[in-house]
N, C-alpha and C. Protein backbone atom coordinates (compact mmCIF):
# COMPACT_ATOMS: atom_id res chain seq x y z
N MET A 1 -42.71 -98.35 191.58
CA MET A 1 -41.98 -97.21 191.04
C MET A 1 -41.22 -97.67 189.81
N THR A 2 -41.34 -96.98 188.73
CA THR A 2 -40.57 -97.28 187.53
C THR A 2 -39.66 -96.11 187.24
N LEU A 3 -38.61 -96.38 186.49
CA LEU A 3 -37.66 -95.33 186.15
C LEU A 3 -38.25 -94.35 185.16
N ILE A 4 -39.05 -94.86 184.26
CA ILE A 4 -39.76 -94.00 183.32
C ILE A 4 -41.22 -94.09 183.71
N ASP A 5 -41.85 -92.97 183.84
CA ASP A 5 -43.24 -92.97 184.26
C ASP A 5 -44.11 -93.35 183.07
N SER A 6 -44.13 -94.66 182.76
CA SER A 6 -44.85 -95.16 181.60
C SER A 6 -46.33 -94.84 181.65
N SER A 7 -46.91 -94.82 182.85
CA SER A 7 -48.34 -94.59 182.95
C SER A 7 -48.72 -93.19 182.47
N CYS A 8 -47.82 -92.24 182.61
CA CYS A 8 -48.11 -90.88 182.17
C CYS A 8 -47.51 -90.57 180.81
N VAL A 9 -46.28 -90.97 180.60
CA VAL A 9 -45.57 -90.59 179.39
C VAL A 9 -45.79 -91.60 178.26
N PHE A 10 -45.76 -92.90 178.58
CA PHE A 10 -45.90 -93.94 177.57
C PHE A 10 -46.92 -94.99 178.03
N PRO A 11 -48.20 -94.63 178.07
CA PRO A 11 -49.19 -95.59 178.55
C PRO A 11 -49.21 -96.85 177.68
N ASP A 12 -49.39 -97.97 178.32
CA ASP A 12 -49.47 -99.28 177.64
C ASP A 12 -48.18 -99.67 176.93
N HIS A 13 -47.05 -99.16 177.40
CA HIS A 13 -45.76 -99.53 176.81
C HIS A 13 -44.81 -100.01 177.91
N GLU A 14 -44.06 -101.07 177.61
CA GLU A 14 -42.92 -101.47 178.43
C GLU A 14 -41.70 -101.01 177.64
N VAL A 15 -40.92 -100.13 178.24
CA VAL A 15 -39.90 -99.45 177.46
C VAL A 15 -38.49 -99.64 178.01
N ASN A 16 -37.54 -99.45 177.09
CA ASN A 16 -36.12 -99.37 177.42
C ASN A 16 -35.69 -97.92 177.16
N LEU A 17 -34.77 -97.46 177.97
CA LEU A 17 -34.19 -96.13 177.82
C LEU A 17 -32.73 -96.32 177.45
N VAL A 18 -32.33 -95.79 176.31
CA VAL A 18 -30.98 -95.99 175.78
C VAL A 18 -30.27 -94.64 175.66
N PHE A 19 -29.07 -94.58 176.20
CA PHE A 19 -28.22 -93.40 176.07
C PHE A 19 -27.04 -93.77 175.19
N ALA A 20 -26.60 -92.85 174.34
CA ALA A 20 -25.46 -93.12 173.47
C ALA A 20 -24.53 -91.90 173.46
N ARG A 21 -23.25 -92.17 173.63
CA ARG A 21 -22.23 -91.11 173.52
C ARG A 21 -21.20 -91.61 172.51
N GLY A 22 -20.85 -90.74 171.58
CA GLY A 22 -19.97 -91.17 170.50
C GLY A 22 -20.75 -91.84 169.39
N VAL A 23 -22.07 -91.85 169.51
CA VAL A 23 -23.01 -92.36 168.51
C VAL A 23 -24.05 -91.26 168.35
N SER A 24 -24.25 -90.80 167.14
CA SER A 24 -25.19 -89.70 166.94
C SER A 24 -26.62 -90.12 167.23
N ARG A 25 -27.44 -89.12 167.47
CA ARG A 25 -28.86 -89.37 167.70
C ARG A 25 -29.48 -90.08 166.52
N SER A 26 -29.16 -89.63 165.31
CA SER A 26 -29.74 -90.26 164.12
C SER A 26 -29.25 -91.70 163.96
N ALA A 27 -27.98 -91.96 164.27
CA ALA A 27 -27.46 -93.32 164.19
C ALA A 27 -28.10 -94.22 165.25
N LEU A 28 -28.34 -93.67 166.44
CA LEU A 28 -29.01 -94.43 167.50
C LEU A 28 -30.41 -94.82 167.06
N VAL A 29 -31.18 -93.85 166.59
CA VAL A 29 -32.56 -94.11 166.17
C VAL A 29 -32.58 -95.07 164.98
N ALA A 30 -31.67 -94.87 164.01
CA ALA A 30 -31.61 -95.77 162.85
C ALA A 30 -31.23 -97.19 163.27
N GLY A 31 -30.30 -97.31 164.23
CA GLY A 31 -29.90 -98.63 164.72
C GLY A 31 -31.02 -99.35 165.43
N LEU A 32 -31.84 -98.61 166.16
CA LEU A 32 -33.01 -99.21 166.80
C LEU A 32 -34.02 -99.65 165.75
N ARG A 33 -34.24 -98.77 164.76
CA ARG A 33 -35.20 -99.07 163.68
C ARG A 33 -34.78 -100.33 162.92
N GLU A 34 -33.47 -100.48 162.67
CA GLU A 34 -32.97 -101.67 161.98
C GLU A 34 -33.29 -102.95 162.75
N GLN A 35 -33.51 -102.81 164.05
CA GLN A 35 -33.82 -103.97 164.88
C GLN A 35 -35.30 -103.97 165.29
N ASN A 36 -36.12 -103.33 164.46
CA ASN A 36 -37.58 -103.32 164.61
C ASN A 36 -38.08 -102.62 165.86
N ARG A 37 -37.37 -101.57 166.28
CA ARG A 37 -37.83 -100.78 167.41
C ARG A 37 -37.83 -99.32 167.00
N GLU A 38 -38.98 -98.69 167.10
CA GLU A 38 -39.11 -97.27 166.79
C GLU A 38 -38.95 -96.48 168.09
N ALA A 39 -38.27 -95.36 168.00
CA ALA A 39 -38.13 -94.48 169.16
C ALA A 39 -39.48 -93.85 169.48
N LEU A 40 -39.91 -93.97 170.73
CA LEU A 40 -41.13 -93.32 171.18
C LEU A 40 -40.84 -91.87 171.57
N ALA A 41 -39.60 -91.64 171.96
CA ALA A 41 -39.10 -90.30 172.29
C ALA A 41 -37.60 -90.34 172.09
N GLU A 42 -37.03 -89.19 171.78
CA GLU A 42 -35.58 -89.12 171.57
C GLU A 42 -35.12 -87.71 171.85
N GLY A 43 -33.84 -87.58 172.10
CA GLY A 43 -33.29 -86.26 172.37
C GLY A 43 -31.79 -86.31 172.52
N GLU A 44 -31.23 -85.15 172.84
CA GLU A 44 -29.79 -85.01 173.09
C GLU A 44 -29.61 -84.05 174.24
N ALA A 45 -28.69 -84.39 175.13
CA ALA A 45 -28.38 -83.51 176.25
C ALA A 45 -27.09 -83.97 176.90
N GLY A 46 -26.30 -83.02 177.36
CA GLY A 46 -25.10 -83.34 178.12
C GLY A 46 -24.11 -84.26 177.41
N GLY A 47 -24.05 -84.18 176.08
CA GLY A 47 -23.12 -85.02 175.33
C GLY A 47 -23.66 -86.41 175.03
N TRP A 48 -24.89 -86.69 175.42
CA TRP A 48 -25.51 -87.99 175.19
C TRP A 48 -26.72 -87.81 174.26
N ALA A 49 -26.87 -88.73 173.33
CA ALA A 49 -28.13 -88.89 172.60
C ALA A 49 -28.92 -89.91 173.40
N TRP A 50 -30.24 -89.81 173.40
CA TRP A 50 -31.04 -90.80 174.12
C TRP A 50 -32.31 -91.12 173.33
N ALA A 51 -32.83 -92.30 173.57
CA ALA A 51 -34.08 -92.73 172.95
C ALA A 51 -34.80 -93.66 173.90
N VAL A 52 -36.11 -93.59 173.85
CA VAL A 52 -36.98 -94.51 174.57
C VAL A 52 -37.65 -95.36 173.50
N HIS A 53 -37.64 -96.68 173.68
CA HIS A 53 -38.28 -97.55 172.70
C HIS A 53 -38.98 -98.71 173.42
N ASP A 54 -39.95 -99.30 172.73
CA ASP A 54 -40.62 -100.47 173.27
C ASP A 54 -39.63 -101.61 173.42
N MET A 55 -39.79 -102.35 174.52
CA MET A 55 -38.93 -103.49 174.77
C MET A 55 -39.16 -104.57 173.71
N ALA A 56 -40.40 -104.77 173.31
CA ALA A 56 -40.75 -105.77 172.31
C ALA A 56 -41.54 -105.09 171.20
N ASN A 57 -41.57 -105.72 170.04
CA ASN A 57 -42.38 -105.23 168.94
C ASN A 57 -43.57 -106.19 168.81
N TRP A 58 -44.66 -105.83 169.46
CA TRP A 58 -45.83 -106.70 169.50
C TRP A 58 -46.45 -106.88 168.12
N GLU A 59 -46.38 -105.87 167.26
CA GLU A 59 -47.00 -105.94 165.93
C GLU A 59 -46.36 -107.02 165.07
N THR A 60 -45.04 -107.17 165.18
CA THR A 60 -44.34 -108.17 164.37
C THR A 60 -44.00 -109.42 165.17
N GLU A 61 -44.50 -109.49 166.41
CA GLU A 61 -44.22 -110.60 167.31
C GLU A 61 -42.72 -110.80 167.51
N ASP A 62 -42.00 -109.69 167.61
CA ASP A 62 -40.55 -109.71 167.86
C ASP A 62 -40.33 -109.41 169.33
N TYR A 63 -40.02 -110.44 170.09
CA TYR A 63 -39.85 -110.30 171.53
C TYR A 63 -38.39 -110.43 171.94
N ASP A 64 -37.50 -110.51 170.94
CA ASP A 64 -36.07 -110.66 171.24
C ASP A 64 -35.51 -109.35 171.79
N ASN A 65 -34.44 -109.49 172.55
CA ASN A 65 -33.73 -108.32 173.04
C ASN A 65 -32.99 -107.64 171.91
N ILE A 66 -32.81 -106.36 172.04
CA ILE A 66 -32.03 -105.59 171.07
C ILE A 66 -30.55 -105.94 171.24
N ASP A 67 -29.83 -106.02 170.14
CA ASP A 67 -28.38 -106.22 170.20
C ASP A 67 -27.73 -104.83 170.21
N TYR A 68 -27.57 -104.29 171.40
CA TYR A 68 -27.01 -102.95 171.54
C TYR A 68 -25.53 -102.89 171.17
N THR A 69 -24.85 -104.04 171.16
CA THR A 69 -23.44 -104.03 170.76
C THR A 69 -23.29 -103.53 169.33
N ARG A 70 -24.29 -103.80 168.49
CA ARG A 70 -24.25 -103.33 167.09
C ARG A 70 -24.26 -101.81 167.01
N LEU A 71 -24.88 -101.15 167.99
CA LEU A 71 -25.00 -99.69 167.95
C LEU A 71 -23.69 -98.97 168.28
N CYS A 72 -22.79 -99.66 168.98
CA CYS A 72 -21.52 -99.00 169.35
C CYS A 72 -20.30 -99.82 168.94
N ALA A 73 -20.48 -100.76 168.03
CA ALA A 73 -19.38 -101.64 167.62
C ALA A 73 -18.23 -100.88 166.99
N SER A 74 -18.52 -99.78 166.28
CA SER A 74 -17.44 -99.01 165.66
C SER A 74 -17.01 -97.82 166.50
N GLY A 75 -17.27 -97.91 167.78
CA GLY A 75 -16.87 -96.86 168.71
C GLY A 75 -18.06 -96.22 169.37
N GLY A 76 -17.86 -95.78 170.57
CA GLY A 76 -18.93 -95.12 171.31
C GLY A 76 -19.34 -95.92 172.52
N GLU A 77 -20.29 -95.34 173.25
CA GLU A 77 -20.78 -95.93 174.49
C GLU A 77 -22.30 -96.00 174.43
N ILE A 78 -22.84 -97.03 175.04
CA ILE A 78 -24.28 -97.20 175.16
C ILE A 78 -24.57 -97.55 176.61
N ALA A 79 -25.53 -96.86 177.20
CA ALA A 79 -26.02 -97.19 178.53
C ALA A 79 -27.51 -97.48 178.39
N VAL A 80 -27.94 -98.66 178.85
CA VAL A 80 -29.31 -99.10 178.65
C VAL A 80 -29.98 -99.39 179.99
N LEU A 81 -31.14 -98.81 180.17
CA LEU A 81 -31.99 -99.12 181.32
C LEU A 81 -33.21 -99.86 180.81
N VAL A 82 -33.31 -101.12 181.17
CA VAL A 82 -34.50 -101.90 180.86
C VAL A 82 -35.42 -101.71 182.05
N THR A 83 -36.47 -100.93 181.85
CA THR A 83 -37.29 -100.49 182.98
C THR A 83 -38.20 -101.58 183.53
N GLU A 84 -38.67 -102.48 182.67
CA GLU A 84 -39.56 -103.55 183.11
C GLU A 84 -39.19 -104.83 182.35
N PRO A 85 -38.11 -105.51 182.77
CA PRO A 85 -37.65 -106.66 181.99
C PRO A 85 -38.68 -107.77 181.85
N CYS A 86 -39.54 -107.90 182.80
CA CYS A 86 -40.63 -108.87 182.69
C CYS A 86 -41.69 -108.48 183.70
N SER A 87 -42.46 -107.48 183.35
CA SER A 87 -43.43 -106.94 184.31
C SER A 87 -44.44 -107.99 184.75
N ALA A 88 -44.76 -108.95 183.89
CA ALA A 88 -45.71 -109.99 184.27
C ALA A 88 -45.16 -110.85 185.41
N LYS A 89 -43.85 -110.99 185.47
CA LYS A 89 -43.23 -111.79 186.53
C LYS A 89 -42.66 -110.90 187.63
N ALA A 90 -42.87 -109.61 187.52
CA ALA A 90 -42.45 -108.63 188.53
C ALA A 90 -40.95 -108.59 188.76
N HIS A 91 -40.18 -108.69 187.69
CA HIS A 91 -38.73 -108.52 187.80
C HIS A 91 -38.39 -107.04 187.83
N GLY A 92 -37.34 -106.70 188.54
CA GLY A 92 -36.90 -105.32 188.62
C GLY A 92 -36.16 -104.89 187.37
N PRO A 93 -35.89 -103.60 187.26
CA PRO A 93 -35.13 -103.07 186.11
C PRO A 93 -33.72 -103.65 186.06
N ASP A 94 -33.08 -103.49 184.91
CA ASP A 94 -31.66 -103.84 184.83
C ASP A 94 -30.92 -102.79 184.02
N PHE A 95 -29.61 -102.82 184.15
CA PHE A 95 -28.74 -101.81 183.54
C PHE A 95 -27.59 -102.50 182.81
N THR A 96 -27.25 -101.96 181.64
CA THR A 96 -26.11 -102.45 180.88
C THR A 96 -25.32 -101.26 180.36
N TYR A 97 -24.00 -101.35 180.47
CA TYR A 97 -23.12 -100.33 179.89
C TYR A 97 -22.21 -101.03 178.90
N LEU A 98 -22.22 -100.54 177.65
CA LEU A 98 -21.38 -101.10 176.59
C LEU A 98 -20.45 -100.02 176.06
N ARG A 99 -19.25 -100.42 175.71
CA ARG A 99 -18.29 -99.49 175.11
C ARG A 99 -17.57 -100.22 173.99
N ASP A 100 -17.50 -99.58 172.83
CA ASP A 100 -16.84 -100.15 171.66
C ASP A 100 -17.35 -101.57 171.35
N GLY A 101 -18.64 -101.77 171.51
CA GLY A 101 -19.26 -103.05 171.18
C GLY A 101 -19.07 -104.14 172.22
N LYS A 102 -18.53 -103.81 173.38
CA LYS A 102 -18.30 -104.82 174.42
C LYS A 102 -19.14 -104.51 175.65
N TRP A 103 -19.63 -105.56 176.28
CA TRP A 103 -20.40 -105.43 177.52
C TRP A 103 -19.43 -105.17 178.65
N MET A 104 -19.40 -103.94 179.13
CA MET A 104 -18.50 -103.59 180.23
C MET A 104 -19.08 -104.06 181.57
N VAL A 105 -20.35 -103.71 181.83
CA VAL A 105 -20.99 -104.12 183.07
C VAL A 105 -22.50 -104.25 182.86
N HIS A 106 -23.06 -105.25 183.51
CA HIS A 106 -24.51 -105.48 183.45
C HIS A 106 -24.94 -105.97 184.82
N PHE A 107 -26.10 -105.47 185.28
CA PHE A 107 -26.66 -105.97 186.54
C PHE A 107 -28.15 -105.70 186.61
N SER A 108 -28.80 -106.50 187.44
CA SER A 108 -30.21 -106.30 187.75
C SER A 108 -30.30 -105.41 188.97
N PHE A 109 -31.30 -104.55 189.01
CA PHE A 109 -31.52 -103.72 190.19
C PHE A 109 -31.89 -104.59 191.39
N GLU A 110 -32.32 -105.82 191.15
CA GLU A 110 -32.68 -106.72 192.24
C GLU A 110 -31.47 -107.21 193.00
N ASN A 111 -30.30 -107.26 192.34
CA ASN A 111 -29.09 -107.75 192.99
C ASN A 111 -27.87 -107.09 192.35
N VAL A 112 -27.56 -105.89 192.76
CA VAL A 112 -26.43 -105.15 192.18
C VAL A 112 -25.08 -105.78 192.52
N GLU A 113 -25.06 -106.66 193.50
CA GLU A 113 -23.80 -107.32 193.84
C GLU A 113 -23.42 -108.37 192.81
N GLN A 114 -24.36 -108.82 192.01
CA GLN A 114 -24.11 -109.81 190.97
C GLN A 114 -23.96 -109.10 189.62
N ARG A 115 -22.80 -108.50 189.40
CA ARG A 115 -22.54 -107.78 188.16
C ARG A 115 -21.68 -108.65 187.25
N VAL A 116 -21.95 -108.58 185.95
CA VAL A 116 -21.20 -109.35 184.96
C VAL A 116 -20.73 -108.41 183.87
N GLY A 117 -19.82 -108.91 183.03
CA GLY A 117 -19.32 -108.14 181.90
C GLY A 117 -17.80 -108.18 181.85
N ASP A 118 -17.23 -107.47 180.88
CA ASP A 118 -15.78 -107.42 180.74
C ASP A 118 -15.12 -106.70 181.91
N ASN A 119 -15.85 -105.80 182.56
CA ASN A 119 -15.34 -105.09 183.74
C ASN A 119 -16.48 -104.94 184.75
N PRO A 120 -16.84 -106.04 185.44
CA PRO A 120 -17.99 -106.00 186.34
C PRO A 120 -17.83 -105.01 187.49
N ASP A 121 -16.62 -104.58 187.76
CA ASP A 121 -16.40 -103.61 188.84
C ASP A 121 -16.37 -102.18 188.35
N TYR A 122 -16.79 -101.95 187.10
CA TYR A 122 -16.72 -100.63 186.50
C TYR A 122 -17.35 -99.54 187.37
N MET A 123 -18.48 -99.82 187.99
CA MET A 123 -19.19 -98.82 188.80
C MET A 123 -19.07 -99.08 190.30
N SER A 124 -18.17 -99.92 190.70
CA SER A 124 -18.10 -100.32 192.11
C SER A 124 -17.98 -99.13 193.06
N ALA A 125 -17.18 -98.15 192.72
CA ALA A 125 -17.00 -97.00 193.63
C ALA A 125 -18.31 -96.26 193.85
N GLU A 126 -19.09 -96.05 192.79
CA GLU A 126 -20.36 -95.34 192.91
C GLU A 126 -21.39 -96.17 193.68
N LEU A 127 -21.42 -97.47 193.43
CA LEU A 127 -22.36 -98.34 194.13
C LEU A 127 -21.99 -98.47 195.61
N LEU A 128 -20.71 -98.51 195.89
CA LEU A 128 -20.24 -98.57 197.28
C LEU A 128 -20.58 -97.28 198.02
N ALA A 129 -20.35 -96.14 197.37
CA ALA A 129 -20.65 -94.84 197.99
C ALA A 129 -22.14 -94.69 198.30
N ALA A 130 -22.99 -95.33 197.50
CA ALA A 130 -24.43 -95.25 197.72
C ALA A 130 -24.93 -96.36 198.65
N ASN A 131 -24.00 -97.09 199.27
CA ASN A 131 -24.34 -98.21 200.16
C ASN A 131 -25.21 -99.26 199.48
N LEU A 132 -24.94 -99.50 198.21
CA LEU A 132 -25.68 -100.51 197.45
C LEU A 132 -24.92 -101.82 197.39
N ILE A 133 -23.61 -101.77 197.60
CA ILE A 133 -22.76 -102.95 197.71
C ILE A 133 -21.82 -102.71 198.89
N GLY A 134 -21.15 -103.75 199.31
CA GLY A 134 -20.18 -103.61 200.38
C GLY A 134 -20.76 -103.89 201.76
N PRO A 135 -19.96 -103.66 202.78
CA PRO A 135 -20.34 -104.05 204.14
C PRO A 135 -21.55 -103.32 204.71
N ASP A 136 -21.84 -102.12 204.24
CA ASP A 136 -22.98 -101.37 204.76
C ASP A 136 -24.23 -101.50 203.90
N ALA A 137 -24.18 -102.35 202.88
CA ALA A 137 -25.29 -102.45 201.94
C ALA A 137 -26.48 -103.22 202.50
N GLU A 138 -26.22 -104.21 203.33
CA GLU A 138 -27.31 -105.05 203.82
C GLU A 138 -27.66 -104.68 205.26
N CYS A 139 -28.94 -104.52 205.48
CA CYS A 139 -29.43 -104.26 206.84
C CYS A 139 -29.43 -105.59 207.59
N LEU A 140 -28.83 -105.59 208.75
CA LEU A 140 -28.77 -106.81 209.56
C LEU A 140 -29.64 -106.71 210.81
N ALA A 141 -30.44 -105.67 210.92
CA ALA A 141 -31.28 -105.47 212.11
C ALA A 141 -32.25 -106.63 212.31
N TRP A 142 -32.66 -107.27 211.25
CA TRP A 142 -33.60 -108.38 211.36
C TRP A 142 -33.02 -109.55 212.14
N GLU A 143 -31.66 -109.64 212.21
CA GLU A 143 -31.02 -110.74 212.95
C GLU A 143 -31.29 -110.62 214.46
N THR A 144 -31.36 -109.40 214.96
CA THR A 144 -31.60 -109.20 216.39
C THR A 144 -33.05 -108.84 216.70
N ASP A 145 -33.78 -108.39 215.68
CA ASP A 145 -35.18 -108.01 215.87
C ASP A 145 -36.01 -108.63 214.75
N PRO A 146 -36.61 -109.81 215.04
CA PRO A 146 -37.37 -110.51 214.00
C PRO A 146 -38.54 -109.70 213.43
N SER A 147 -39.03 -108.71 214.13
CA SER A 147 -40.14 -107.91 213.63
C SER A 147 -39.67 -106.77 212.72
N HIS A 148 -38.34 -106.58 212.62
CA HIS A 148 -37.80 -105.50 211.80
C HIS A 148 -38.08 -105.77 210.32
N ASP A 149 -38.58 -104.77 209.61
CA ASP A 149 -38.85 -104.87 208.18
C ASP A 149 -37.87 -103.99 207.42
N CYS A 150 -36.85 -104.60 206.85
CA CYS A 150 -35.81 -103.85 206.13
C CYS A 150 -36.38 -103.08 204.94
N ASP A 151 -37.46 -103.58 204.35
CA ASP A 151 -38.05 -102.91 203.19
C ASP A 151 -38.55 -101.51 203.52
N GLU A 152 -38.90 -101.28 204.77
CA GLU A 152 -39.41 -99.96 205.15
C GLU A 152 -38.37 -98.85 204.95
N HIS A 153 -37.09 -99.17 205.14
CA HIS A 153 -36.07 -98.13 204.98
C HIS A 153 -35.23 -98.36 203.72
N ASP A 154 -35.57 -99.39 202.95
CA ASP A 154 -34.83 -99.66 201.72
C ASP A 154 -35.72 -99.43 200.50
N SER A 155 -36.83 -98.71 200.68
CA SER A 155 -37.77 -98.50 199.60
C SER A 155 -37.23 -97.59 198.50
N ASP A 156 -36.15 -96.87 198.78
CA ASP A 156 -35.58 -95.96 197.79
C ASP A 156 -34.42 -96.59 197.02
N LYS A 157 -34.28 -97.91 197.10
CA LYS A 157 -33.12 -98.58 196.49
C LYS A 157 -33.03 -98.33 194.99
N GLU A 158 -34.15 -98.46 194.26
CA GLU A 158 -34.11 -98.22 192.81
C GLU A 158 -33.65 -96.79 192.52
N GLU A 159 -34.14 -95.86 193.28
CA GLU A 159 -33.75 -94.46 193.08
C GLU A 159 -32.27 -94.26 193.36
N ARG A 160 -31.74 -94.89 194.41
CA ARG A 160 -30.32 -94.76 194.72
C ARG A 160 -29.47 -95.39 193.63
N ILE A 161 -29.93 -96.52 193.08
CA ILE A 161 -29.20 -97.16 191.98
C ILE A 161 -29.20 -96.23 190.76
N MET A 162 -30.37 -95.68 190.44
CA MET A 162 -30.47 -94.79 189.29
C MET A 162 -29.60 -93.56 189.46
N ARG A 163 -29.58 -92.99 190.66
CA ARG A 163 -28.72 -91.83 190.91
C ARG A 163 -27.25 -92.19 190.76
N ALA A 164 -26.86 -93.38 191.23
CA ALA A 164 -25.46 -93.82 191.09
C ALA A 164 -25.09 -93.99 189.62
N ILE A 165 -25.98 -94.56 188.83
CA ILE A 165 -25.73 -94.73 187.40
C ILE A 165 -25.62 -93.37 186.73
N ALA A 166 -26.57 -92.49 186.99
CA ALA A 166 -26.57 -91.17 186.37
C ALA A 166 -25.31 -90.39 186.73
N ALA A 167 -24.89 -90.48 187.99
CA ALA A 167 -23.68 -89.77 188.42
C ALA A 167 -22.43 -90.36 187.78
N CYS A 168 -22.35 -91.67 187.71
CA CYS A 168 -21.17 -92.33 187.14
C CYS A 168 -20.96 -91.94 185.68
N PHE A 169 -22.03 -91.85 184.93
CA PHE A 169 -21.93 -91.60 183.49
C PHE A 169 -22.29 -90.18 183.08
N GLY A 170 -22.73 -89.37 184.02
CA GLY A 170 -23.14 -88.01 183.69
C GLY A 170 -24.33 -87.99 182.75
N LEU A 171 -25.31 -88.86 183.02
CA LEU A 171 -26.46 -88.98 182.13
C LEU A 171 -27.43 -87.82 182.30
N PRO A 172 -28.02 -87.38 181.20
CA PRO A 172 -29.07 -86.36 181.27
C PRO A 172 -30.36 -86.98 181.77
N SER A 173 -31.36 -86.17 182.00
CA SER A 173 -32.65 -86.66 182.49
C SER A 173 -33.73 -86.53 181.43
N PRO A 174 -33.92 -87.58 180.61
CA PRO A 174 -35.08 -87.59 179.71
C PRO A 174 -36.33 -87.87 180.52
N PRO A 175 -37.42 -88.32 179.93
CA PRO A 175 -38.68 -88.43 180.67
C PRO A 175 -38.64 -89.53 181.73
N LEU A 176 -37.95 -89.25 182.84
CA LEU A 176 -37.87 -90.20 183.93
C LEU A 176 -39.05 -89.98 184.88
N ALA A 177 -39.30 -90.98 185.70
CA ALA A 177 -40.35 -90.84 186.70
C ALA A 177 -40.07 -89.59 187.53
N GLN A 178 -41.11 -88.92 187.95
CA GLN A 178 -40.98 -87.67 188.69
C GLN A 178 -40.05 -87.81 189.90
N GLU A 179 -40.16 -88.93 190.62
CA GLU A 179 -39.35 -89.13 191.81
C GLU A 179 -37.86 -89.18 191.49
N VAL A 180 -37.50 -89.79 190.36
CA VAL A 180 -36.10 -89.92 189.97
C VAL A 180 -35.58 -88.60 189.40
N ALA A 181 -36.37 -87.98 188.52
CA ALA A 181 -35.95 -86.76 187.86
C ALA A 181 -35.72 -85.63 188.86
N SER A 182 -36.46 -85.61 189.96
CA SER A 182 -36.31 -84.53 190.92
C SER A 182 -35.25 -84.80 191.97
N ALA A 183 -34.65 -85.98 191.94
CA ALA A 183 -33.63 -86.36 192.94
C ALA A 183 -32.33 -85.61 192.73
């Protein structure tokens, strides 16, 4: 499951989804272009501008990460979902929230308890409410039942993380995977 349904919306692309508030849509797209990334899709909704762009620029052999701090250094907020940080190695998505050019919080969907940034607890209440962190986050049934498969009931973890992020920031729904968009 991916956050953006790349197979339908952006075939043959590994994409990042960027939301900007306090940064205009044109400034967001221009800032991405300055860093050799063209918007594959863009829009505005709910007070946020958003753009989807390729994670890497294969044509120019530019595989570096985008410096999103540049996009909000003079004010504003940026929320970034890296949908496939390394699909060849099967890493999960990651999320970064920046404000006024500073990394407020960053985490991988693989381990939301390991958050970093200037305020790593920025989303703690939302993650706790979704049972993604805290005492109820980990299934311990396997300790008493070795045949128990926690993955069977934790298969919606990415969706719960995405819903917590969207709720925390009031993000609109651009071309997200059908399962996430309908949640």
